[in-house]
């Protein structure tokens, strides 16, 4: 229930966040105006092109953790990088390892193919849906807030994964696995609550008056 104290705390946190944003605004603006961003953006597309080449040749994927291997000589996917480097008027250094694609989804597509990416999307989609369903099932409670928080946090994580390999970092993966465990527990509680509600409903026979016995 909204109270003056809760509104005050929320407003205070908003003010602190706004002040922090103002203090870092110059750095953020400078980052977006950085000329290196254009080259970084182009390189992202080059890495995605390499992924498309890989999955075109190997629909089932090139194998787990093999991306960093096949984008370097003697494999032909290194030429996708080298063509871009030459196009920028730079000299190719084959002794320098090429970068790994930053999009988590493209990395999965290249290494595990279409089935692997589809399975991953199914897993995260099902878990996300379970959190939303738990949010709708639980009333005003801690479980409701928890399920909403996990759903929102995971949604942002999955969105960020289009740009960075968020869940390949051990700490992020560990936290995500913990949240998936919590999601499973919330789903179990939701099912138990639903079964209890169904068992408490009066049956159809209980809603009718018993038939009067005929007189002897």
Protein backbone atom coordinates (compact mmCIF):
# COMPACT_ATOMS: atom_id res chain seq x y z
CA UNK A 1 0.00 0.00 0.00
CA UNK A 2 1.47 3.39 -0.98
CA UNK A 3 2.46 5.50 2.01
CA UNK A 4 4.18 8.84 2.50
CA UNK A 5 7.32 7.05 3.66
CA UNK A 6 7.45 4.79 0.61
CA UNK A 7 6.90 7.68 -1.76
CA UNK A 8 9.63 9.62 0.04
CA UNK A 9 12.09 6.75 -0.29
CA UNK A 10 11.27 6.32 -3.99
CA UNK A 11 11.63 10.05 -4.61
CA UNK A 12 14.95 10.11 -2.76
CA UNK A 13 16.30 7.25 -4.84
CA UNK A 14 15.16 9.02 -8.00
CA UNK A 15 16.98 12.19 -6.98
CA UNK A 16 20.17 10.26 -6.23
CA UNK A 17 19.95 8.51 -9.60
CA UNK A 18 19.37 11.81 -11.41
CA UNK A 19 22.38 13.40 -9.71
CA UNK A 20 24.54 10.42 -10.64
CA UNK A 21 23.38 10.67 -14.25
CA UNK A 22 24.20 14.37 -14.38
CA UNK A 23 27.67 13.75 -12.99
CA UNK A 24 28.41 11.17 -15.69
CA UNK A 25 26.59 12.91 -18.54
CA UNK A 26 29.76 14.39 -20.03
CA UNK A 27 31.47 11.00 -20.08
CA UNK A 28 28.45 9.34 -21.70
CA UNK A 29 28.13 12.03 -24.37
CA UNK A 30 31.86 11.85 -25.09
CA UNK A 31 31.62 8.07 -25.45
CA UNK A 32 28.89 8.35 -28.05
CA UNK A 33 30.81 11.05 -29.91
CA UNK A 34 33.98 8.94 -29.98
CA UNK A 35 35.16 8.45 -33.55
CA UNK A 36 36.21 4.92 -32.69
CA UNK A 37 32.56 4.00 -32.39
CA UNK A 38 32.18 3.91 -36.16
CA UNK A 39 34.98 1.39 -36.53
CA UNK A 40 33.60 -0.60 -33.59
CA UNK A 41 30.15 -0.66 -35.18
CA UNK A 42 31.60 -1.79 -38.49
CA UNK A 43 33.60 -4.53 -36.79
CA UNK A 44 30.46 -5.80 -35.08
CA UNK A 45 28.86 -6.25 -38.48
CA UNK A 46 31.98 -7.97 -39.81
CA UNK A 47 31.88 -10.46 -36.95
CA UNK A 48 28.20 -11.12 -37.64
CA UNK A 49 29.03 -11.69 -41.31
CA UNK A 50 31.57 -14.29 -40.23
CA UNK A 51 28.88 -16.00 -38.14
CA UNK A 52 26.54 -16.09 -41.12
CA UNK A 53 29.27 -17.69 -43.23
CA UNK A 54 29.86 -20.31 -40.55
CA UNK A 55 26.22 -21.27 -40.14
CA UNK A 56 25.79 -21.33 -43.91
CA UNK A 57 28.58 -23.89 -44.14
CA UNK A 58 27.67 -25.72 -40.92
CA UNK A 59 23.95 -25.47 -40.04
CA UNK A 60 24.57 -27.55 -36.91
CA UNK A 61 27.37 -25.25 -35.80
CA UNK A 62 31.15 -25.29 -35.87
CA UNK A 63 31.39 -26.69 -32.35
CA UNK A 64 31.45 -25.26 -28.85
CA UNK A 65 34.25 -22.73 -28.22
CA UNK A 66 35.53 -23.06 -31.78
CA UNK A 67 34.69 -19.55 -32.97
CA UNK A 68 37.96 -18.05 -31.70
CA UNK A 69 39.80 -20.82 -33.55
CA UNK A 70 38.18 -20.66 -36.99
CA UNK A 71 38.33 -16.85 -37.38
CA UNK A 72 42.10 -17.09 -37.59
CA UNK A 73 44.37 -18.67 -40.22
CA UNK A 74 44.39 -21.18 -41.78
CA UNK A 75 40.57 -21.12 -41.77
CA UNK A 76 38.85 -19.11 -44.46
CA UNK A 77 36.64 -17.15 -42.06
CA UNK A 78 39.68 -15.05 -41.18
CA UNK A 79 39.37 -13.50 -44.63
CA UNK A 80 36.06 -11.91 -43.61
CA UNK A 81 38.02 -9.88 -41.07
CA UNK A 82 40.99 -9.29 -43.34
CA UNK A 83 38.85 -7.97 -46.19
CA UNK A 84 37.43 -5.36 -43.83
CA UNK A 85 40.89 -4.43 -42.55
CA UNK A 86 42.23 -4.02 -46.08
CA UNK A 87 39.19 -1.98 -47.01
CA UNK A 88 40.15 0.52 -44.31
CA UNK A 89 43.61 0.86 -45.82
CA UNK A 90 45.32 -1.03 -43.01
CA UNK A 91 47.85 -3.83 -43.13
CA UNK A 92 46.78 -7.32 -42.08
CA UNK A 93 48.72 -8.85 -39.21
CA UNK A 94 48.06 -12.58 -39.26
CA UNK A 95 49.90 -13.04 -35.98
CA UNK A 96 47.22 -11.03 -34.19
CA UNK A 97 44.13 -12.99 -33.15
CA UNK A 98 40.81 -11.77 -34.52
CA UNK A 99 38.07 -10.76 -32.12
CA UNK A 100 35.22 -13.02 -31.06
CA UNK A 101 31.73 -11.87 -32.01
CA UNK A 102 30.19 -9.84 -29.22
CA UNK A 103 26.55 -10.80 -29.72
CA UNK A 104 25.69 -13.80 -27.56
CA UNK A 105 23.02 -14.94 -30.00
CA UNK A 106 25.29 -14.81 -33.03
CA UNK A 107 27.97 -16.69 -31.09
CA UNK A 108 25.46 -19.43 -30.26
CA UNK A 109 24.29 -19.49 -33.86
CA UNK A 110 27.84 -19.95 -35.15
CA UNK A 111 28.95 -22.54 -32.60
CA UNK A 112 25.76 -24.54 -32.02
CA UNK A 113 23.85 -23.86 -35.24
CA UNK A 114 20.14 -23.32 -35.68
CA UNK A 115 19.10 -26.09 -33.24
CA UNK A 116 21.29 -24.69 -30.46
CA UNK A 117 20.02 -21.15 -30.86
CA UNK A 118 16.41 -22.34 -31.04
CA UNK A 119 16.87 -24.41 -27.87
CA UNK A 120 18.39 -21.45 -26.05
CA UNK A 121 15.56 -19.12 -27.06
CA UNK A 122 13.06 -21.75 -25.90
CA UNK A 123 14.75 -22.06 -22.49
CA UNK A 124 14.94 -18.34 -21.77
CA UNK A 125 11.48 -17.72 -23.21
CA UNK A 126 9.88 -20.42 -21.06
CA UNK A 127 11.64 -19.20 -17.91
CA UNK A 128 10.62 -15.61 -18.62
CA UNK A 129 7.01 -16.65 -19.20
CA UNK A 130 7.00 -18.56 -15.91
CA UNK A 131 8.06 -15.42 -14.07
CA UNK A 132 5.29 -13.42 -15.70
CA UNK A 133 2.80 -16.14 -14.86
CA UNK A 134 3.98 -16.17 -11.25
CA UNK A 135 3.57 -12.40 -11.13
CA UNK A 136 -0.04 -12.75 -12.25
CA UNK A 137 -0.76 -15.69 -9.94
CA UNK A 138 0.53 -14.32 -6.65
CA UNK A 139 -1.29 -11.51 -4.96
CA UNK A 140 0.32 -8.62 -3.16
CA UNK A 141 3.25 -10.59 -1.79
CA UNK A 142 7.00 -10.99 -1.79
CA UNK A 143 6.73 -13.74 -4.41
CA UNK A 144 4.94 -11.36 -6.76
CA UNK A 145 7.64 -8.70 -6.41
CA UNK A 146 10.39 -11.29 -6.76
CA UNK A 147 8.96 -12.77 -9.95
CA UNK A 148 8.54 -9.31 -11.48
CA UNK A 149 12.09 -8.36 -10.56
CA UNK A 150 13.53 -11.51 -12.12
CA UNK A 151 11.45 -11.05 -15.28
CA UNK A 152 12.54 -7.42 -15.67
CA UNK A 153 16.19 -8.16 -14.91
CA UNK A 154 16.34 -11.10 -17.29
CA UNK A 155 14.61 -9.12 -20.05
CA UNK A 156 17.29 -6.43 -19.81
CA UNK A 157 19.98 -9.11 -19.73
CA UNK A 158 18.63 -10.78 -22.85
CA UNK A 159 18.42 -7.43 -24.61
CA UNK A 160 21.99 -6.57 -23.65
CA UNK A 161 23.07 -9.98 -24.96
CA UNK A 162 22.42 -8.74 -28.49
CA UNK A 163 25.47 -6.49 -28.05
CA UNK A 164 27.64 -8.34 -25.53
CA UNK A 165 28.33 -11.90 -24.43
CA UNK A 166 26.82 -11.23 -21.02
CA UNK A 167 26.15 -14.80 -19.95
CA UNK A 168 29.53 -16.13 -21.03
CA UNK A 169 31.06 -14.31 -18.06
CA UNK A 170 31.23 -16.73 -15.10
CA UNK A 171 29.76 -14.38 -12.49
CA UNK A 172 26.85 -13.38 -14.70
CA UNK A 173 26.18 -17.00 -15.60
CA UNK A 174 26.28 -18.04 -11.94
CA UNK A 175 23.78 -15.34 -10.99
CA UNK A 176 21.53 -16.29 -13.92
CA UNK A 177 21.55 -19.95 -12.88
CA UNK A 178 20.59 -18.97 -9.33
CA UNK A 179 17.71 -16.88 -10.68
CA UNK A 180 16.59 -19.80 -12.84
CA UNK A 181 16.53 -21.94 -9.69
CA UNK A 182 14.39 -19.32 -7.95
CA UNK A 183 12.14 -19.24 -11.01
CA UNK A 184 11.67 -22.99 -10.78
CA UNK A 185 10.76 -22.72 -7.12
CA UNK A 186 8.25 -19.96 -7.83
CA UNK A 187 6.67 -22.13 -10.51
CA UNK A 188 6.39 -25.00 -8.03
CA UNK A 189 4.74 -22.73 -5.45
CA UNK A 190 2.34 -21.45 -8.09
CA UNK A 191 1.29 -24.98 -9.03
CA UNK A 192 0.88 -26.02 -5.40
CA UNK A 193 -1.25 -22.97 -4.75
CA UNK A 194 -3.38 -23.72 -7.79
CA UNK A 195 -3.90 -27.35 -6.77
CA UNK A 196 -4.87 -26.26 -3.27
CA UNK A 197 -7.40 -23.80 -4.66
CA UNK A 198 -8.90 -26.46 -6.93
CA UNK A 199 -9.16 -28.98 -4.10
CA UNK A 200 -11.04 -26.47 -1.95
CA UNK A 201 -13.70 -25.83 -4.57
CA UNK A 202 -17.02 -27.56 -3.83
CA UNK A 203 -17.75 -30.37 -6.22
CA UNK A 204 -20.87 -30.43 -8.36
CA UNK A 205 -22.50 -33.07 -6.17
CA UNK A 206 -21.93 -30.93 -3.07
CA UNK A 207 -23.92 -28.03 -4.52
CA UNK A 208 -27.18 -30.01 -4.78
CA UNK A 209 -29.50 -30.93 -1.97
CA UNK A 210 -29.62 -34.65 -1.23
CA UNK A 211 -32.59 -36.43 -2.76
CA UNK A 212 -35.40 -37.09 -0.32
CA UNK A 213 -35.90 -40.71 0.49
CA UNK A 214 -39.30 -42.08 -0.55
CA UNK A 215 -41.66 -42.81 2.33
CA UNK A 216 -41.72 -46.44 3.48
